């Protein structure tokens, strides 16, 4: 997603100045991983699935399901294997060690943009593994947090007949919250095709009217009851905080019986760096209100 609205202001002023810096420290990495997300498990699920979907899109391979393994008693890891482009050894080492570096920040073809999503496993665990299948070679890596600093180690590489793609695996204690959060997140994401060891319920809309999708209301088991959402790319946001500023009489009438999802193109609205909510800046608020109206 393009980050034009996050652009810098340049000046020709020749006054003495000092450029601000970010010092690499355990507290800085803690803020950018564990402290960034209100729901770390949902963040891991959302960011890894979004990255997998973007990779499938880049590889023109959206029909192939993303393989997901949810923790169970025989295998307690949460694991996502995509069949996208894969990454070279050099690209893995660069991507996982550079915060705020993204190849997607100058295009609205993909959801990613901040260069933070690949590091979300650190918000849940102090270690995870990455296997990259790239042009006939399987590269294995271990990402580990030591003394507060994240490191990634190249463990092995070997020939493989596996198709290109990336596999990320996170150890858990048979944590059912990964399945619950994925079940919740994927309910409005029919475009993300997955195959998994547990059945996920991806809902079909009752009616589609352009970019407005109406779903059956009162689905308590999915965590929503007749709510209004905006969907941008592979992210969905509740917009109840904005509705008080818009002409909601018609919407309120619809919400008595349905859940409403309004789809907008990627890049339409600004989001917070955690990707958990829409930006509350005034210009963004006005855009949301206009979309709702």
Protein backbone atom coordinates (compact mmCIF):
# COMPACT_ATOMS: atom_id res chain seq x y z
CA UNK A 1 0.00 0.00 0.00
CA UNK A 2 1.32 3.44 -0.90
CA UNK A 3 2.39 5.64 1.99
CA UNK A 4 2.04 9.00 0.23
CA UNK A 5 0.19 10.56 3.16
CA UNK A 6 3.09 9.66 5.42
CA UNK A 7 5.48 11.72 3.29
CA UNK A 8 8.04 14.13 4.71
CA UNK A 9 8.12 17.89 4.38
CA UNK A 10 11.28 19.18 2.75
CA UNK A 11 12.84 22.59 3.28
CA UNK A 12 15.58 24.62 1.68
CA UNK A 13 16.41 26.25 4.99
CA UNK A 14 20.18 26.28 5.65
CA UNK A 15 19.95 26.58 9.45
CA UNK A 16 22.18 24.30 11.50
CA UNK A 17 20.30 21.10 12.15
CA UNK A 18 20.65 17.57 13.46
CA UNK A 19 18.83 14.60 11.93
CA UNK A 20 16.85 12.50 14.38
CA UNK A 21 17.97 8.87 14.79
CA UNK A 22 16.53 5.68 16.19
CA UNK A 23 18.91 3.81 18.46
CA UNK A 24 18.81 0.03 18.24
CA UNK A 25 18.08 -1.23 21.76
CA UNK A 26 16.04 -3.96 23.47
CA UNK A 27 13.30 -1.45 24.38
CA UNK A 28 13.06 -0.23 20.76
CA UNK A 29 12.63 -3.78 19.46
CA UNK A 30 10.14 -4.52 22.25
CA UNK A 31 8.01 -1.52 21.23
CA UNK A 32 8.10 -2.54 17.56
CA UNK A 33 7.05 -6.12 18.30
CA UNK A 34 5.47 -7.06 21.64
CA UNK A 35 4.14 -3.59 22.55
CA UNK A 36 2.78 -2.64 19.12
CA UNK A 37 -0.26 -4.92 19.05
CA UNK A 38 -3.28 -5.06 21.33
CA UNK A 39 -3.88 -8.66 20.19
CA UNK A 40 -0.53 -10.29 19.31
CA UNK A 41 -2.06 -13.60 18.18
CA UNK A 42 -4.47 -11.86 15.79
CA UNK A 43 -1.58 -9.71 14.54
CA UNK A 44 0.48 -12.81 13.74
CA UNK A 45 -2.45 -14.47 11.94
CA UNK A 46 -3.39 -11.34 9.99
CA UNK A 47 0.12 -10.25 8.99
CA UNK A 48 1.41 -13.69 7.97
CA UNK A 49 -1.74 -14.51 5.98
CA UNK A 50 -1.65 -11.08 4.33
CA UNK A 51 2.01 -11.54 3.37
CA UNK A 52 1.21 -15.02 2.02
CA UNK A 53 -1.72 -13.65 -0.02
CA UNK A 54 0.43 -10.80 -1.39
CA UNK A 55 3.10 -13.33 -2.40
CA UNK A 56 0.52 -15.52 -4.18
CA UNK A 57 -0.78 -12.41 -5.95
CA UNK A 58 2.73 -11.42 -7.03
CA UNK A 59 3.28 -14.95 -8.35
CA UNK A 60 -0.13 -14.92 -10.11
CA UNK A 61 -1.04 -18.00 -8.09
CA UNK A 62 -4.18 -16.99 -6.17
CA UNK A 63 -6.00 -20.26 -6.96
CA UNK A 64 -3.50 -22.36 -4.97
CA UNK A 65 -4.50 -22.62 -1.29
CA UNK A 66 -2.20 -21.34 1.43
CA UNK A 67 -1.38 -24.22 3.81
CA UNK A 68 -2.12 -23.43 7.46
CA UNK A 69 -1.49 -25.68 10.45
CA UNK A 70 -3.18 -24.75 13.72
CA UNK A 71 -1.69 -26.04 16.98
CA UNK A 72 -3.02 -29.40 18.10
CA UNK A 73 -1.87 -32.15 20.48
CA UNK A 74 0.26 -33.85 17.83
CA UNK A 75 1.96 -30.68 16.57
CA UNK A 76 1.80 -27.56 18.73
CA UNK A 77 3.24 -25.17 16.14
CA UNK A 78 1.31 -22.53 14.22
CA UNK A 79 2.55 -22.77 10.66
CA UNK A 80 1.82 -20.99 7.37
CA UNK A 81 3.23 -22.20 4.05
CA UNK A 82 2.56 -20.13 0.96
CA UNK A 83 3.23 -20.97 -2.68
CA UNK A 84 4.20 -17.52 -3.86
CA UNK A 85 7.53 -16.25 -5.10
CA UNK A 86 9.75 -17.39 -2.24
CA UNK A 87 12.82 -15.41 -1.19
CA UNK A 88 16.51 -15.75 -1.85
CA UNK A 89 18.85 -16.25 1.11
CA UNK A 90 19.99 -12.63 0.85
CA UNK A 91 16.41 -11.32 0.71
CA UNK A 92 15.39 -13.28 3.83
CA UNK A 93 18.37 -11.97 5.80
CA UNK A 94 17.68 -8.41 4.65
CA UNK A 95 13.88 -8.43 5.13
CA UNK A 96 13.85 -9.95 8.60
CA UNK A 97 16.58 -7.69 9.97
CA UNK A 98 15.32 -4.35 8.62
CA UNK A 99 12.33 -2.69 10.27
CA UNK A 100 10.24 -0.31 8.10
CA UNK A 101 11.77 -1.65 4.90
CA UNK A 102 9.08 -2.81 2.44
CA UNK A 103 8.89 -3.48 -1.28
CA UNK A 104 5.15 -2.70 -1.18
CA UNK A 105 5.13 0.93 0.02
CA UNK A 106 5.02 2.43 -3.49
CA UNK A 107 2.07 0.46 -4.88
CA UNK A 108 -1.58 -0.13 -4.05
CA UNK A 109 -1.54 -3.61 -5.58
CA UNK A 110 -0.61 -5.16 -2.23
CA UNK A 111 -1.77 -4.72 1.37
CA UNK A 112 1.66 -4.69 3.04
CA UNK A 113 3.59 -1.44 3.40
CA UNK A 114 5.20 -0.82 6.80
CA UNK A 115 7.87 -3.52 6.80
CA UNK A 116 6.68 -4.77 10.21
CA UNK A 117 4.44 -7.73 9.38
CA UNK A 118 7.19 -10.33 8.93
CA UNK A 119 8.43 -9.56 12.47
CA UNK A 120 5.05 -10.10 14.20
CA UNK A 121 5.97 -13.63 15.41
CA UNK A 122 8.24 -11.88 17.93
CA UNK A 123 5.12 -10.33 19.49
CA UNK A 124 4.13 -13.85 20.58
CA UNK A 125 7.32 -15.89 20.82
CA UNK A 126 11.03 -15.30 21.37
CA UNK A 127 11.83 -17.58 18.43
CA UNK A 128 10.38 -18.84 15.16
CA UNK A 129 11.65 -20.54 12.01
CA UNK A 130 11.52 -19.53 8.36
CA UNK A 131 11.95 -21.90 5.42
CA UNK A 132 12.23 -20.35 1.98
CA UNK A 133 11.78 -22.49 -1.12
CA UNK A 134 13.41 -20.53 -3.91
CA UNK A 135 14.38 -21.76 -7.38
CA UNK A 136 15.19 -25.34 -6.35
CA UNK A 137 16.87 -24.53 -3.02
CA UNK A 138 15.38 -24.80 0.48
CA UNK A 139 16.87 -22.22 2.84
CA UNK A 140 16.26 -22.74 6.58
CA UNK A 141 16.52 -19.94 9.14
CA UNK A 142 15.99 -19.53 12.87
CA UNK A 143 14.86 -16.12 14.20
CA UNK A 144 15.70 -15.74 17.88
CA UNK A 145 15.45 -12.95 20.42
CA UNK A 146 18.56 -12.92 22.64
CA UNK A 147 19.13 -10.40 25.43
CA UNK A 148 16.33 -8.31 23.94
CA UNK A 149 17.85 -8.17 20.45
CA UNK A 150 16.37 -10.13 17.52
CA UNK A 151 18.75 -12.22 15.42
CA UNK A 152 18.25 -14.46 12.40
CA UNK A 153 20.55 -17.38 11.72
CA UNK A 154 21.03 -19.19 8.43
CA UNK A 155 20.82 -22.84 9.50
CA UNK A 156 21.01 -24.85 6.29
CA UNK A 157 20.37 -24.97 2.57
CA UNK A 158 19.70 -27.98 0.37
CA UNK A 159 18.25 -28.86 -3.05
CA UNK A 160 14.47 -29.34 -3.18
CA UNK A 161 11.72 -30.26 -5.60
CA UNK A 162 9.20 -28.18 -3.61
CA UNK A 163 7.54 -25.25 -5.40
CA UNK A 164 8.62 -21.72 -4.51
CA UNK A 165 7.19 -20.15 -1.38
CA UNK A 166 7.76 -19.32 2.26
CA UNK A 167 6.96 -21.29 5.41
CA UNK A 168 6.88 -19.61 8.84
CA UNK A 169 6.51 -21.77 11.95
CA UNK A 170 5.95 -20.53 15.52
CA UNK A 171 6.07 -22.81 18.58
CA UNK A 172 3.04 -22.59 20.88
CA UNK A 173 1.66 -24.43 23.89
CA UNK A 174 -1.23 -25.92 21.89
CA UNK A 175 -2.77 -22.45 21.87
CA UNK A 176 -6.32 -22.62 20.47
CA UNK A 177 -6.41 -18.82 20.15
CA UNK A 178 -4.62 -19.07 16.78
CA UNK A 179 -7.55 -21.00 15.35
CA UNK A 180 -10.12 -18.73 17.02
CA UNK A 181 -8.47 -15.55 15.71
CA UNK A 182 -8.03 -17.00 12.22
CA UNK A 183 -11.67 -18.09 12.20
CA UNK A 184 -12.67 -14.54 13.15
CA UNK A 185 -10.28 -12.80 10.74
CA UNK A 186 -11.05 -14.94 7.68
CA UNK A 187 -14.84 -14.72 7.90
CA UNK A 188 -14.88 -11.71 5.53
CA UNK A 189 -11.80 -12.77 3.49
CA UNK A 190 -13.11 -15.25 0.90
CA UNK A 191 -10.28 -14.25 -1.44
CA UNK A 192 -7.71 -15.83 0.91
CA UNK A 193 -7.95 -19.50 -0.06
CA UNK A 194 -6.51 -21.81 2.60
CA UNK A 195 -6.28 -25.49 3.42
CA UNK A 196 -5.83 -26.38 7.09
CA UNK A 197 -6.13 -29.11 9.73
CA UNK A 198 -9.20 -27.38 11.21
CA UNK A 199 -12.28 -26.16 9.38
CA UNK A 200 -12.50 -22.38 8.93
CA UNK A 201 -15.86 -20.70 8.25
CA UNK A 202 -15.52 -18.09 5.52
CA UNK A 203 -18.90 -16.44 5.13
CA UNK A 204 -20.69 -15.69 1.88
CA UNK A 205 -22.65 -12.42 1.66
CA UNK A 206 -26.41 -12.52 1.36
CA UNK A 207 -26.35 -9.62 -1.09
CA UNK A 208 -23.67 -7.73 -3.03
CA UNK A 209 -24.42 -4.20 -4.25
CA UNK A 210 -21.28 -2.84 -5.85
CA UNK A 211 -18.80 -2.35 -3.03
CA UNK A 212 -21.42 -2.96 -0.32
CA UNK A 213 -21.78 -6.48 1.05
CA UNK A 214 -24.64 -7.52 3.34
CA UNK A 215 -24.17 -10.50 5.65
CA UNK A 216 -26.65 -12.32 7.84
CA UNK A 217 -26.84 -10.57 11.21
CA UNK A 218 -26.51 -11.78 14.79
CA UNK A 219 -23.61 -14.17 14.23
CA UNK A 220 -22.53 -14.22 17.90
CA UNK A 221 -20.26 -17.22 17.35
CA UNK A 222 -18.13 -15.12 15.00
CA UNK A 223 -17.84 -12.19 17.38
CA UNK A 224 -20.07 -9.70 15.58
CA UNK A 225 -23.71 -8.70 15.85
CA UNK A 226 -25.10 -6.43 13.13
CA UNK A 227 -22.06 -4.19 12.83
CA UNK A 228 -20.70 -1.85 10.17
CA UNK A 229 -17.23 -2.52 8.76
CA UNK A 230 -14.91 -1.06 6.14
CA UNK A 231 -12.69 -3.56 4.33
CA UNK A 232 -9.47 -2.33 2.72
CA UNK A 233 -7.37 -5.03 1.11
CA UNK A 234 -6.98 -7.91 3.56
CA UNK A 235 -7.90 -5.75 6.56
CA UNK A 236 -11.33 -5.09 8.05
CA UNK A 237 -12.19 -2.31 10.49
CA UNK A 238 -15.16 -1.50 12.67
CA UNK A 239 -16.30 2.07 12.08
CA UNK A 240 -18.76 2.59 14.92
CA UNK A 241 -16.73 5.55 16.17
CA UNK A 242 -17.33 7.35 12.85
CA UNK A 243 -21.04 6.67 12.40
CA UNK A 244 -22.14 9.33 14.87
CA UNK A 245 -20.82 11.96 12.44
CA UNK A 246 -22.67 10.64 9.40
CA UNK A 247 -26.31 10.43 8.33
CA UNK A 248 -26.94 7.01 9.83
CA UNK A 249 -30.74 6.72 9.70
CA UNK A 250 -30.69 4.42 6.67
CA UNK A 251 -27.65 2.50 7.93
CA UNK A 252 -29.21 2.04 11.35
CA UNK A 253 -32.27 0.55 9.68
CA UNK A 254 -30.13 -1.91 7.71
CA UNK A 255 -28.09 -2.89 10.76
CA UNK A 256 -31.21 -4.15 12.53
CA UNK A 257 -31.08 -7.20 10.29
CA UNK A 258 -27.65 -7.36 8.64
CA UNK A 259 -23.96 -6.83 9.06
CA UNK A 260 -22.65 -4.37 6.47
CA UNK A 261 -19.17 -4.47 4.90
CA UNK A 262 -18.08 -1.59 2.65
CA UNK A 263 -15.11 -2.45 0.44
CA UNK A 264 -12.69 0.30 -0.58
CA UNK A 265 -9.55 0.10 -2.76
CA UNK A 266 -6.18 -0.37 -1.06
CA UNK A 267 -4.69 3.02 -0.21
CA UNK A 268 -8.03 4.80 0.19
CA UNK A 269 -7.70 5.22 3.96
CA UNK A 270 -4.76 5.68 6.31
CA UNK A 271 -4.22 3.04 8.96
CA UNK A 272 -2.24 2.84 12.18
CA UNK A 273 1.18 1.11 12.01
CA UNK A 274 -0.23 -1.88 13.90
CA UNK A 275 -2.84 -2.22 11.13
CA UNK A 276 -5.42 -2.81 13.88
CA UNK A 277 -7.44 0.35 13.29
CA UNK A 278 -8.02 3.29 10.97
CA UNK A 279 -6.15 6.52 11.59
CA UNK A 280 -8.13 9.07 13.60
CA UNK A 281 -6.52 12.04 11.85
CA UNK A 282 -9.10 14.58 10.72
CA UNK A 283 -8.57 14.11 6.98
CA UNK A 284 -8.96 10.36 7.37
CA UNK A 285 -12.06 10.74 9.54
CA UNK A 286 -13.69 12.87 6.86
CA UNK A 287 -12.90 10.22 4.21
CA UNK A 288 -14.52 7.51 6.37
CA UNK A 289 -17.62 9.63 6.97
CA UNK A 290 -17.91 10.35 3.24
CA UNK A 291 -17.64 6.62 2.44
CA UNK A 292 -20.34 5.78 4.98
CA UNK A 293 -22.65 8.55 3.73
